[in-house]
Protein backbone atom coordinates (compact mmCIF):
# COMPACT_ATOMS: atom_id res chain seq x y z
CA MET A 1 0.27 0.03 0.15
CA SER A 2 1.51 3.33 -1.08
CA LYS A 3 1.60 6.52 1.59
CA LYS A 4 -1.08 8.17 -0.90
CA LEU A 5 -3.66 5.30 -0.43
CA VAL A 6 -3.17 5.24 3.11
CA ALA A 7 -3.76 8.76 3.26
CA GLN A 8 -6.81 8.70 1.04
CA GLU A 9 -8.18 5.68 3.19
CA VAL A 10 -7.70 7.65 6.48
CA ASN A 11 -9.39 10.73 4.82
CA ASP A 12 -12.37 8.16 3.82
CA PHE A 13 -12.44 6.69 7.06
CA ILE A 14 -13.04 10.12 9.10
CA THR A 15 -15.29 11.51 6.30
CA LYS A 16 -17.75 8.80 6.14
CA ARG A 17 -17.96 9.13 9.92
CA ARG A 18 -19.01 13.04 10.06
CA PRO A 19 -19.59 14.63 12.12
CA ALA A 20 -18.16 12.08 14.83
CA VAL A 21 -14.73 12.61 16.02
CA VAL A 22 -12.27 9.69 16.14
CA CYS A 23 -8.69 9.03 17.56
CA ASP A 24 -5.75 8.05 15.75
CA LEU A 25 -5.80 4.33 17.61
CA CYS A 26 -9.45 3.81 16.17
CA ILE A 27 -8.20 4.99 12.95
CA VAL A 28 -5.23 2.53 13.13
CA ARG A 29 -7.76 -0.26 14.09
CA GLY A 30 -10.39 0.70 11.59
CA ILE A 31 -8.56 0.50 8.26
CA GLY A 32 -5.97 -1.77 9.49
CA LEU A 33 -2.76 0.08 9.71
CA SER A 34 0.31 -1.53 11.29
CA VAL A 35 1.68 1.94 12.58
CA ARG A 36 -0.17 4.34 14.80
CA ALA A 37 2.41 7.03 13.74
CA HIS A 38 1.11 6.88 10.05
CA ALA A 39 -2.39 7.82 11.21
CA ASN A 40 -0.81 10.56 13.41
CA GLN A 41 1.23 11.88 10.68
CA ILE A 42 -1.89 11.94 8.33
CA THR A 43 -4.18 13.19 10.75
CA ALA A 44 -1.78 15.87 11.34
CA ALA A 45 -1.52 17.04 7.88
CA LEU A 46 -5.40 16.55 7.04
CA ALA A 47 -5.93 19.16 10.31
CA THR A 48 -3.89 21.70 8.09
CA THR A 49 -7.05 21.97 5.53
CA SER A 50 -10.10 23.48 6.05
CA GLU A 51 -12.07 20.50 5.95
CA PHE A 52 -10.61 18.75 8.75
CA VAL A 53 -10.41 20.02 12.83
CA ARG A 54 -8.16 18.09 15.16
CA GLU A 55 -8.16 18.75 19.03
CA LYS A 56 -7.98 17.33 22.23
CA GLY A 57 -11.09 15.39 23.22
CA SER A 58 -12.54 11.94 23.75
CA CYS A 59 -13.02 9.24 21.55
CA PRO A 60 -16.81 7.65 21.43
CA ASP A 61 -15.53 4.50 19.71
CA CYS A 62 -12.45 3.58 22.36
CA LYS A 63 -13.71 5.68 25.03
CA GLN A 64 -10.17 7.27 25.58
CA THR A 65 -9.90 10.92 26.91
CA ASP A 66 -7.63 13.58 26.67
CA VAL A 67 -6.34 12.00 23.16
CA MET A 68 -6.14 13.80 19.70
CA VAL A 69 -9.47 13.23 17.95
CA ILE A 70 -10.16 14.43 14.33
CA LYS A 71 -13.27 15.36 12.45
CA ALA A 72 -14.25 16.03 9.14
CA VAL A 73 -16.25 19.28 8.72
CA ASP A 74 -18.93 19.76 6.21
CA PRO A 75 -17.24 21.80 3.43
CA LYS A 76 -20.63 23.35 2.32
CA SER A 77 -20.78 25.04 5.58
CA ALA A 78 -16.84 26.43 5.37
CA ALA A 79 -17.32 30.05 4.51
CA ASN A 80 -14.97 31.84 2.65
CA PHE A 81 -14.86 35.06 4.00
CA SER A 82 -12.57 36.78 1.74
CA VAL A 83 -15.30 36.90 -0.96
CA LEU A 84 -18.33 37.70 0.95
CA ASN A 85 -19.72 40.89 1.40
CA PHE A 86 -21.33 41.03 4.95
CA GLU A 87 -22.32 43.38 7.83
CA SER A 88 -22.51 41.19 10.44
CA ILE A 89 -22.10 37.03 10.40
CA ILE A 90 -22.71 34.88 13.67
CA VAL A 91 -20.77 31.70 12.91
CA GLU A 92 -21.54 28.65 14.90
CA LEU A 93 -18.74 26.14 15.66
CA GLY A 94 -19.89 23.78 18.26
CA LYS A 95 -20.49 25.10 21.63
CA VAL A 96 -18.58 28.48 20.32
CA THR A 97 -20.42 31.16 18.96
CA VAL A 98 -18.21 33.45 17.02
CA LYS A 99 -19.64 36.89 15.81
CA ILE A 100 -17.88 38.64 12.68
CA VAL A 101 -18.71 42.23 12.13
CA ARG A 102 -17.28 44.34 9.36
């Protein structure tokens, strides 16, 4: 299995679970990786995009707490603020509300 294929499998595994979070260990188990570090490297890279969020939390599958978890974000809800003409926007981000005023 090539690195690109592994990265795509990780991407697909996370995306299919949207909006649920999953930890690296459960990704390893879910797609049959042999090394946890591969999942860690790939999820860290995915988190640099606007399509994924990676943070410390709890994994609903293995019940681990205080671990890095990742989730796919709905690309349709990702706003491109540089092209919007707005007076005031309120964005709901989980439990956090962000108000952006121009």
